[in-house]
C-alpha atoms as a PDB file:
ATOM      1  CA  MET A   1       7.277 -24.492  -9.857  1.00  0.00           C
ATOM      2  CA  LYS A   2       3.786 -23.161 -10.017  1.00  0.00           C
ATOM      3  CA  PRO A   3       3.008 -19.542 -10.548  1.00  0.00           C
ATOM      4  CA  LYS A   4       1.031 -18.743  -6.945  1.00  0.00           C
ATOM      5  CA  LEU A   5       4.466 -20.427  -5.110  1.00  0.00           C
ATOM      6  CA  ILE A   6       6.972 -18.321  -6.645  1.00  0.00           C
ATOM      7  CA  LEU A   7       4.964 -15.532  -6.323  1.00  0.00           C
ATOM      8  CA  PHE A   8       4.522 -16.081  -2.776  1.00  0.00           C
ATOM      9  CA  LEU A   9       8.101 -16.349  -2.574  1.00  0.00           C
ATOM     10  CA  ILE A  10       9.185 -13.346  -3.804  1.00  0.00           C
ATOM     11  CA  ILE A  11       6.831 -10.976  -0.933  1.00  0.00           C
ATOM     12  CA  CYS A  12       7.795 -13.008   1.215  1.00  0.00           C
ATOM     13  CA  VAL A  13      11.786 -12.147   0.110  1.00  0.00           C
ATOM     14  CA  LEU A  14      10.715  -8.361  -0.923  1.00  0.00           C
ATOM     15  CA  SER A  15       8.579  -7.972   2.965  1.00  0.00           C
ATOM     16  CA  THR A  16      11.532  -9.687   5.359  1.00  0.00           C
ATOM     17  CA  ASN A  17      13.637  -5.993   4.863  1.00  0.00           C
ATOM     18  CA  ILE A  18      10.404  -4.403   5.515  1.00  0.00           C
ATOM     19  CA  TYR A  19       9.232  -5.830   8.150  1.00  0.00           C
ATOM     20  CA  ALA A  20      12.297  -7.418   9.916  1.00  0.00           C
ATOM     21  CA  GLN A  21      12.524  -4.446  12.996  1.00  0.00           C
ATOM     22  CA  GLN A  22       8.163  -3.658  12.699  1.00  0.00           C
ATOM     23  CA  SER A  23       6.727  -6.250  15.731  1.00  0.00           C
ATOM     24  CA  LYS A  24       3.375  -8.159  15.492  1.00  0.00           C
ATOM     25  CA  GLU A  25       2.271  -5.170  18.040  1.00  0.00           C
ATOM     26  CA  GLU A  26       3.156  -2.205  15.868  1.00  0.00           C
ATOM     27  CA  LEU A  27       1.452  -4.241  12.318  1.00  0.00           C
ATOM     28  CA  SER A  28      -1.376  -4.373  13.912  1.00  0.00           C
ATOM     29  CA  GLN A  29      -1.600  -1.137  15.379  1.00  0.00           C
ATOM     30  CA  GLU A  30      -0.258   0.276  11.866  1.00  0.00           C
ATOM     31  CA  ALA A  31      -2.758  -2.187  10.420  1.00  0.00           C
ATOM     32  CA  ALA A  32      -5.913  -0.213  12.651  1.00  0.00           C
ATOM     33  CA  ASN A  33      -4.823   2.696  11.136  1.00  0.00           C
ATOM     34  CA  PRO A  34      -6.480   3.312   7.174  1.00  0.00           C
ATOM     35  CA  LEU A  35      -4.601   6.961   6.859  1.00  0.00           C
ATOM     36  CA  ALA A  36      -0.889   4.523   7.608  1.00  0.00           C
ATOM     37  CA  ASP A  37       1.500   5.431   4.668  1.00  0.00           C
ATOM     38  CA  LEU A  38       1.345   0.949   4.462  1.00  0.00           C
ATOM     39  CA  MET A  39       0.107  -1.109   1.566  1.00  0.00           C
ATOM     40  CA  SER A  40      -2.607  -2.766   2.276  1.00  0.00           C
ATOM     41  CA  PHE A  41      -5.058  -5.239   0.779  1.00  0.00           C
ATOM     42  CA  PRO A  42      -7.865  -6.337   2.579  1.00  0.00           C
ATOM     43  CA  PHE A  43     -10.280  -8.497   1.844  1.00  0.00           C
ATOM     44  CA  GLN A  44     -13.913  -7.967   4.254  1.00  0.00           C
ATOM     45  CA  ASN A  45     -16.821 -10.196   3.772  1.00  0.00           C
ATOM     46  CA  ASN A  46     -20.031  -8.824   4.809  1.00  0.00           C
ATOM     47  CA  LEU A  47     -22.344 -10.877   5.192  1.00  0.00           C
ATOM     48  CA  ASN A  48     -26.199  -9.609   5.133  1.00  0.00           C
ATOM     49  CA  MET A  49     -28.997 -11.629   7.090  1.00  0.00           C
ATOM     50  CA  ASN A  50     -32.832 -12.398   7.442  1.00  0.00           C
ATOM     51  CA  TYR A  51     -34.124 -10.388   4.554  1.00  0.00           C
ATOM     52  CA  GLY A  52     -38.012 -10.575   3.370  1.00  0.00           C
ATOM     53  CA  PRO A  53     -40.822 -12.713   4.371  1.00  0.00           C
ATOM     54  CA  TYR A  54     -38.314 -16.023   3.433  1.00  0.00           C
ATOM     55  CA  ASN A  55     -34.837 -14.187   5.493  1.00  0.00           C
ATOM     56  CA  ARG A  56     -32.958 -14.352   3.221  1.00  0.00           C
ATOM     57  CA  ASN A  57     -28.908 -13.293   2.448  1.00  0.00           C
ATOM     58  CA  THR A  58     -27.116 -11.029   0.444  1.00  0.00           C
ATOM     59  CA  ASN A  59     -22.720 -11.740   0.734  1.00  0.00           C
ATOM     60  CA  VAL A  60     -20.982  -8.546  -0.661  1.00  0.00           C
ATOM     61  CA  LEU A  61     -16.776  -9.516  -0.736  1.00  0.00           C
ATOM     62  CA  ASN A  62     -15.170  -5.837  -0.687  1.00  0.00           C
ATOM     63  CA  VAL A  63     -11.420  -6.187  -2.583  1.00  0.00           C
ATOM     64  CA  GLN A  64     -10.730  -3.035  -1.127  1.00  0.00           C
ATOM     65  CA  PRO A  65      -6.667  -1.939  -1.610  1.00  0.00           C
ATOM     66  CA  VAL A  66      -5.056   0.809   0.216  1.00  0.00           C
ATOM     67  CA  ILE A  67      -2.706   3.062  -1.950  1.00  0.00           C
ATOM     68  CA  PRO A  68      -0.031   5.387  -0.084  1.00  0.00           C
ATOM     69  CA  PHE A  69       1.522   8.108  -2.592  1.00  0.00           C
ATOM     70  CA  ALA A  70       3.427  11.140  -2.206  1.00  0.00           C
ATOM     71  CA  GLY A  71       4.465   9.582   0.968  1.00  0.00           C
ATOM     72  CA  GLY A  72       1.808   9.093   3.247  1.00  0.00           C
ATOM     73  CA  ARG A  73       0.066  12.444   1.764  1.00  0.00           C
ATOM     74  CA  LEU A  74      -2.495  10.728  -0.945  1.00  0.00           C
ATOM     75  CA  ILE A  75      -4.176   7.616   0.244  1.00  0.00           C
ATOM     76  CA  THR A  76      -6.372   6.015  -2.241  1.00  0.00           C
ATOM     77  CA  ARG A  77      -9.303   3.545  -1.577  1.00  0.00           C
ATOM     78  CA  THR A  78     -11.000   1.421  -4.254  1.00  0.00           C
ATOM     79  CA  ILE A  79     -13.597  -1.298  -3.275  1.00  0.00           C
ATOM     80  CA  PHE A  80     -14.461  -3.478  -6.072  1.00  0.00           C
ATOM     81  CA  PRO A  81     -18.126  -5.238  -4.781  1.00  0.00           C
ATOM     82  CA  ILE A  82     -19.113  -8.814  -5.543  1.00  0.00           C
ATOM     83  CA  VAL A  83     -22.516  -9.876  -4.648  1.00  0.00           C
ATOM     84  CA  ASN A  84     -25.075 -12.197  -4.549  1.00  0.00           C
ATOM     85  CA  ILE A  85     -28.025 -11.165  -4.083  1.00  0.00           C
ATOM     86  CA  PRO A  86     -30.868 -13.841  -4.656  1.00  0.00           C
ATOM     87  CA  ASP A  87     -34.508 -13.902  -5.412  1.00  0.00           C
ATOM     88  CA  PHE A  88     -36.372 -12.365  -2.029  1.00  0.00           C
ATOM     89  CA  SER A  89     -40.094 -13.485  -3.950  1.00  0.00           C
ATOM     90  CA  GLN A  90     -38.258 -17.263  -3.184  1.00  0.00           C
ATOM     91  CA  GLU A  91     -37.177 -19.642  -0.244  1.00  0.00           C
ATOM     92  CA  THR A  92     -34.394 -20.429  -2.284  1.00  0.00           C
ATOM     93  CA  GLY A  93     -32.618 -19.454  -5.575  1.00  0.00           C
ATOM     94  CA  SER A  94     -30.378 -16.694  -6.799  1.00  0.00           C
ATOM     95  CA  ASN A  95     -31.209 -13.432  -8.639  1.00  0.00           C
ATOM     96  CA  THR A  96     -28.162 -12.567  -9.529  1.00  0.00           C
ATOM     97  CA  PHE A  97     -24.295 -12.284  -9.075  1.00  0.00           C
ATOM     98  CA  GLY A  98     -20.824 -10.151  -9.730  1.00  0.00           C
ATOM     99  CA  LEU A  99     -19.201  -7.600  -9.897  1.00  0.00           C
ATOM    100  CA  SER A 100     -21.550  -3.771  -7.826  1.00  0.00           C
ATOM    101  CA  ASP A 101     -20.717  -0.147  -8.817  1.00  0.00           C
ATOM    102  CA  ILE A 102     -17.016   0.608  -7.726  1.00  0.00           C
ATOM    103  CA  VAL A 103     -15.403   3.712  -5.088  1.00  0.00           C
ATOM    104  CA  PHE A 104     -13.144   5.134  -5.631  1.00  0.00           C
ATOM    105  CA  THR A 105     -11.474   7.068  -2.215  1.00  0.00           C
ATOM    106  CA  ALA A 106      -9.143   9.938  -2.203  1.00  0.00           C
ATOM    107  CA  PHE A 107      -7.446  11.754   0.805  1.00  0.00           C
ATOM    108  CA  TYR A 108      -5.448  13.909   1.231  1.00  0.00           C
ATOM    109  CA  THR A 109      -3.547  13.386   4.701  1.00  0.00           C
ATOM    110  CA  PRO A 110      -1.554  16.781   5.428  1.00  0.00           C
ATOM    111  CA  LYS A 111       1.260  16.192   9.359  1.00  0.00           C
ATOM    112  CA  SER A 112      -0.829  17.216  11.838  1.00  0.00           C
ATOM    113  CA  LYS A 113      -0.883  16.318  15.221  1.00  0.00           C
ATOM    114  CA  VAL A 114      -3.937  14.545  15.015  1.00  0.00           C
ATOM    115  CA  THR A 115      -4.248  11.770  11.682  1.00  0.00           C
ATOM    116  CA  TRP A 116      -6.736  13.466   9.727  1.00  0.00           C
ATOM    117  CA  GLY A 117      -7.311  12.924   5.826  1.00  0.00           C
ATOM    118  CA  ILE A 118     -10.156  14.892   3.011  1.00  0.00           C
ATOM    119  CA  GLY A 119     -10.453  14.113  -0.766  1.00  0.00           C
ATOM    120  CA  PRO A 120     -13.270  12.714  -2.558  1.00  0.00           C
ATOM    121  CA  VAL A 121     -15.210  10.083  -2.942  1.00  0.00           C
ATOM    122  CA  LEU A 122     -16.299   8.589  -6.867  1.00  0.00           C
ATOM    123  CA  GLU A 123     -19.494   5.692  -8.046  1.00  0.00           C
ATOM    124  CA  PHE A 124     -18.604   4.551 -10.864  1.00  0.00           C
ATOM    125  CA  PRO A 125     -22.376   2.349 -12.418  1.00  0.00           C
ATOM    126  CA  THR A 126     -20.349  -0.871 -12.802  1.00  0.00           C
ATOM    127  CA  GLY A 127     -23.040  -3.204 -11.307  1.00  0.00           C
ATOM    128  CA  GLY A 128     -25.290  -2.864 -13.896  1.00  0.00           C
ATOM    129  CA  GLU A 129     -29.351  -3.203 -14.122  1.00  0.00           C
ATOM    130  CA  LYS A 130     -29.583  -5.898 -11.047  1.00  0.00           C
ATOM    131  CA  ARG A 131     -26.259  -4.873  -9.007  1.00  0.00           C
ATOM    132  CA  GLY A 132     -26.153  -1.528  -9.357  1.00  0.00           C
ATOM    133  CA  THR A 133     -27.481   2.308  -9.465  1.00  0.00           C
ATOM    134  CA  GLN A 134     -26.544   3.139 -12.827  1.00  0.00           C
ATOM    135  CA  LYS A 135     -26.100   6.836 -11.789  1.00  0.00           C
ATOM    136  CA  TRP A 136     -22.845   7.859 -11.423  1.00  0.00           C
ATOM    137  CA  SER A 137     -21.811   9.643  -7.997  1.00  0.00           C
ATOM    138  CA  ALA A 138     -19.926  11.695  -6.349  1.00  0.00           C
ATOM    139  CA  GLY A 139     -19.199  13.516  -2.634  1.00  0.00           C
ATOM    140  CA  PRO A 140     -17.023  14.299   0.055  1.00  0.00           C
ATOM    141  CA  SER A 141     -15.088  12.527   2.331  1.00  0.00           C
ATOM    142  CA  PHE A 142     -13.379  13.033   5.694  1.00  0.00           C
ATOM    143  CA  LEU A 143     -12.187  10.542   8.644  1.00  0.00           C
ATOM    144  CA  ILE A 144     -10.750  11.033  11.645  1.00  0.00           C
ATOM    145  CA  LEU A 145      -8.537   9.050  13.389  1.00  0.00           C
ATOM    146  CA  THR A 146      -6.379   8.981  17.031  1.00  0.00           C
ATOM    147  CA  GLN A 147      -3.674   6.659  18.399  1.00  0.00           C
ATOM    148  CA  PRO A 148      -3.210   6.832  22.634  1.00  0.00           C
ATOM    149  CA  GLY A 149      -1.378   4.098  23.458  1.00  0.00           C
ATOM    150  CA  ASP A 150      -2.836   0.426  22.990  1.00  0.00           C
ATOM    151  CA  TRP A 151      -6.277   2.679  21.395  1.00  0.00           C
ATOM    152  CA  THR A 152      -7.958   3.802  17.865  1.00  0.00           C
ATOM    153  CA  PHE A 153     -10.543   4.988  17.612  1.00  0.00           C
ATOM    154  CA  GLY A 154     -11.631   6.826  14.540  1.00  0.00           C
ATOM    155  CA  ILE A 155     -14.915   8.089  12.147  1.00  0.00           C
ATOM    156  CA  LEU A 156     -15.172   7.677   8.685  1.00  0.00           C
ATOM    157  CA  ILE A 157     -17.908   9.342   6.504  1.00  0.00           C
ATOM    158  CA  ASN A 158     -18.612  10.713   3.371  1.00  0.00           C
ATOM    159  CA  ASN A 159     -22.186  11.152   1.106  1.00  0.00           C
ATOM    160  CA  ALA A 160     -22.985  10.816  -2.608  1.00  0.00           C
ATOM    161  CA  TRP A 161     -25.117  12.188  -4.136  1.00  0.00           C
ATOM    162  CA  SER A 162     -26.123  10.913  -8.604  1.00  0.00           C
ATOM    163  CA  PHE A 163     -25.038  13.241 -11.204  1.00  0.00           C
ATOM    164  CA  ALA A 164     -24.741  11.837 -14.519  1.00  0.00           C
ATOM    165  CA  GLY A 165     -26.861   7.849 -15.693  1.00  0.00           C
ATOM    166  CA  ASN A 166     -29.251   6.876 -16.549  1.00  0.00           C
ATOM    167  CA  LYS A 167     -31.686   8.956 -15.732  1.00  0.00           C
ATOM    168  CA  GLU A 168     -35.034   6.224 -15.583  1.00  0.00           C
ATOM    169  CA  ARG A 169     -33.573   4.611 -12.224  1.00  0.00           C
ATOM    170  CA  GLU A 170     -33.562   6.639  -8.694  1.00  0.00           C
ATOM    171  CA  ASP A 171     -31.926  10.134  -7.795  1.00  0.00           C
ATOM    172  CA  VAL A 172     -28.546   8.515  -5.134  1.00  0.00           C
ATOM    173  CA  ASN A 173     -28.221  10.556  -2.524  1.00  0.00           C
ATOM    174  CA  HIS A 174     -26.910   8.597   0.406  1.00  0.00           C
ATOM    175  CA  MET A 175     -24.516   8.972   3.664  1.00  0.00           C
ATOM    176  CA  PHE A 176     -21.908   6.525   4.276  1.00  0.00           C
ATOM    177  CA  LEU A 177     -20.197   6.419   7.901  1.00  0.00           C
ATOM    178  CA  ASN A 178     -17.413   4.423   9.715  1.00  0.00           C
ATOM    179  CA  LEU A 179     -16.752   4.604  13.743  1.00  0.00           C
ATOM    180  CA  PHE A 180     -14.100   2.893  14.267  1.00  0.00           C
ATOM    181  CA  ILE A 181     -12.483   1.243  17.918  1.00  0.00           C
ATOM    182  CA  VAL A 182      -9.124  -1.231  18.407  1.00  0.00           C
ATOM    183  CA  LEU A 183      -8.026  -2.122  21.517  1.00  0.00           C
ATOM    184  CA  GLN A 184      -4.400  -3.609  21.394  1.00  0.00           C
ATOM    185  CA  LEU A 185      -4.245  -6.646  23.777  1.00  0.00           C
ATOM    186  CA  GLY A 186      -0.225  -7.568  22.647  1.00  0.00           C
ATOM    187  CA  ASP A 187       1.409 -11.067  19.768  1.00  0.00           C
ATOM    188  CA  GLY A 188      -1.163  -9.316  17.469  1.00  0.00           C
ATOM    189  CA  TRP A 189      -4.171 -10.692  19.021  1.00  0.00           C
ATOM    190  CA  TYR A 190      -6.753  -7.134  19.716  1.00  0.00           C
ATOM    191  CA  VAL A 191     -10.431  -6.520  19.329  1.00  0.00           C
ATOM    192  CA  ASN A 192     -12.621  -4.355  18.130  1.00  0.00           C
ATOM    193  CA  SER A 193     -15.673  -2.434  16.724  1.00  0.00           C
ATOM    194  CA  ALA A 194     -16.286  -0.978  13.139  1.00  0.00           C
ATOM    195  CA  PRO A 195     -19.901  -0.362  12.632  1.00  0.00           C
ATOM    196  CA  ILE A 196     -20.852   1.072   9.336  1.00  0.00           C
ATOM    197  CA  ILE A 197     -24.087   3.216   9.448  1.00  0.00           C
ATOM    198  CA  THR A 198     -25.947   4.055   5.987  1.00  0.00           C
ATOM    199  CA  ALA A 199     -28.999   6.708   5.874  1.00  0.00           C
ATOM    200  CA  ASP A 200     -30.103   6.462   2.362  1.00  0.00           C
ATOM    201  CA  TRP A 201     -32.074  10.049   1.959  1.00  0.00           C
ATOM    202  CA  THR A 202     -34.443   9.304  -0.623  1.00  0.00           C
ATOM    203  CA  ALA A 203     -35.953   6.927   1.068  1.00  0.00           C
ATOM    204  CA  ASP A 204     -38.777   7.029   3.064  1.00  0.00           C
ATOM    205  CA  LYS A 205     -39.174   8.019   7.354  1.00  0.00           C
ATOM    206  CA  GLY A 206     -38.447   5.827   9.303  1.00  0.00           C
ATOM    207  CA  GLN A 207     -36.903   4.032   6.646  1.00  0.00           C
ATOM    208  CA  GLN A 208     -33.767   5.510   5.679  1.00  0.00           C
ATOM    209  CA  TRP A 209     -31.228   4.768   8.206  1.00  0.00           C
ATOM    210  CA  ILE A 210     -29.393   0.683   9.437  1.00  0.00           C
ATOM    211  CA  VAL A 211     -27.618   1.631  11.857  1.00  0.00           C
ATOM    212  CA  PRO A 212     -25.098  -1.657  13.426  1.00  0.00           C
ATOM    213  CA  VAL A 213     -23.896  -2.669  17.340  1.00  0.00           C
ATOM    214  CA  GLY A 214     -21.677  -5.465  17.959  1.00  0.00           C
ATOM    215  CA  ALA A 215     -18.049  -6.056  18.099  1.00  0.00           C
ATOM    216  CA  GLY A 216     -15.168  -8.623  17.360  1.00  0.00           C
ATOM    217  CA  GLY A 217     -11.606  -8.863  16.879  1.00  0.00           C
ATOM    218  CA  GLY A 218      -8.599 -10.395  15.505  1.00  0.00           C
ATOM    219  CA  LYS A 219      -5.042 -11.019  14.987  1.00  0.00           C
ATOM    220  CA  LEU A 220      -2.076 -10.139  12.936  1.00  0.00           C
ATOM    221  CA  VAL A 221      -0.270 -13.531  11.624  1.00  0.00           C
ATOM    222  CA  MET A 222       3.123 -13.442   9.362  1.00  0.00           C
ATOM    223  CA  LEU A 223       2.319 -15.252   6.891  1.00  0.00           C
ATOM    224  CA  GLY A 224       4.341 -17.911   6.065  1.00  0.00           C
ATOM    225  CA  GLY A 225       6.624 -16.265   8.474  1.00  0.00           C
ATOM    226  CA  LYS A 226       7.820 -13.130   6.830  1.00  0.00           C
ATOM    227  CA  LEU A 227       4.549 -11.608   4.883  1.00  0.00           C
ATOM    228  CA  PRO A 228       1.961  -9.918   7.525  1.00  0.00           C
ATOM    229  CA  LEU A 229      -1.283 -11.111   7.376  1.00  0.00           C
ATOM    230  CA  ASN A 230      -4.642  -9.380   9.367  1.00  0.00           C
ATOM    231  CA  LEU A 231      -7.415 -11.458  10.067  1.00  0.00           C
ATOM    232  CA  GLN A 232     -10.422 -10.354  11.996  1.00  0.00           C
ATOM    233  CA  THR A 233     -14.201 -11.245  12.135  1.00  0.00           C
ATOM    234  CA  GLN A 234     -16.825  -9.461  14.112  1.00  0.00           C
ATOM    235  CA  LEU A 235     -20.988  -9.858  14.404  1.00  0.00           C
ATOM    236  CA  TYR A 236     -22.959  -7.180  14.804  1.00  0.00           C
ATOM    237  CA  TYR A 237     -27.688  -6.520  14.802  1.00  0.00           C
ATOM    238  CA  ASN A 238     -29.292  -3.570  13.351  1.00  0.00           C
ATOM    239  CA  VAL A 239     -30.684  -2.142  15.548  1.00  0.00           C
ATOM    240  CA  VAL A 240     -32.306   1.059  13.331  1.00  0.00           C
ATOM    241  CA  ARG A 241     -33.047  -0.803   9.883  1.00  0.00           C
ATOM    242  CA  PRO A 242     -36.068  -0.670   6.715  1.00  0.00           C
ATOM    243  CA  ASP A 243     -38.649  -2.705   6.700  1.00  0.00           C
ATOM    244  CA  PHE A 244     -37.395  -4.742   4.199  1.00  0.00           C
ATOM    245  CA  GLY A 245     -33.261  -4.323   5.557  1.00  0.00           C
ATOM    246  CA  PRO A 246     -31.210  -7.028   7.299  1.00  0.00           C
ATOM    247  CA  GLU A 247     -31.347  -8.141  10.756  1.00  0.00           C
ATOM    248  CA  TRP A 248     -27.851  -8.561  11.542  1.00  0.00           C
ATOM    249  CA  GLN A 249     -24.096  -8.580   9.638  1.00  0.00           C
ATOM    250  CA  TRP A 250     -21.411 -10.898  10.072  1.00  0.00           C
ATOM    251  CA  ARG A 251     -18.362  -9.996   8.622  1.00  0.00           C
ATOM    252  CA  PHE A 252     -14.561 -11.690   8.547  1.00  0.00           C
ATOM    253  CA  GLN A 253     -11.965  -9.803   6.281  1.00  0.00           C
ATOM    254  CA  ALA A 254      -8.374 -10.775   5.786  1.00  0.00           C
ATOM    255  CA  GLN A 255      -5.908  -7.552   5.042  1.00  0.00           C
ATOM    256  CA  ILE A 256      -2.709  -8.364   3.567  1.00  0.00           C
ATOM    257  CA  LEU A 257       0.340  -5.656   4.249  1.00  0.00           C
ATOM    258  CA  LEU A 258       2.695  -5.182   1.959  1.00  0.00           C
ATOM    259  CA  PRO A 259       5.731  -3.223   1.308  1.00  0.00           C
ATOM    260  CA  LYS A 260       5.789  -0.446  -1.536  1.00  0.00           C
ATOM    261  CA  SER A 261       9.102  -1.094  -2.467  1.00  0.00           C
ATOM    262  CA  LEU A 262       6.903  -4.295  -4.268  1.00  0.00           C
ATOM    263  CA  PHE A 263       5.891  -1.951  -6.758  1.00  0.00           C
ATOM    264  CA  THR A 264       8.700   1.037  -6.201  1.00  0.00           C
ATOM    265  CA  GLY A 265      12.265  -1.156  -6.432  1.00  0.00           C
ATOM    266  CA  LYS A 266      12.736   0.762  -2.995  1.00  0.00           C
ATOM    267  CA  GLU A 267      12.593   0.510  -0.033  1.00  0.00           C
END
């Protein structure tokens, strides 16, 4: 029996007891909460379209495991971006492909009526000269959300400043703002909008912001009847963008939900 098939069967068996009492609707609601006490492995692919005079596209695959600790009081998310950057000066051809700068965030989430978390964001210069900033950066990160009925409303914001790295490269000072709205439709189906607004404070005035507008939807399915898999897609148009910036963004995400017992041996 192939190792991948064995691993899949083990995950299915371990997942059965954890999710047996949870419906697709409940799991879909938990998947919409970035601070849920739930281990997940999202694979988020962002195709940024129409850069430059030749309308070239960049592709960013974010592998971003979310791991809870201390009974869900500490939530960590690490983003491993795998990028494909074209040669913008030509109609065809690639400039570079590989790992960009890794981003790590840890949220402390106290028990309260309102779900919120606060903690640091750290950026590691793993992208090298072509795919990264070559700077070590850090800053604060904050997330707050509410889930009335079938709705989820939330906002995640952070800002990072460089504090070390290659002195010949430009300093880093950028903001990340993720708004998210989700409406559960039943049987695991939902519609959502989760635009990622960014600002580069080191850029010239009028060239700092990227503001997308769009929406999409998804569905939580049980892979093999056992393993929860959350699938979604959205399309965004950047109503505000720098002169050299993407016009459209198409996002597709596959999120695997795993029980913590898979690693701890406890249910």
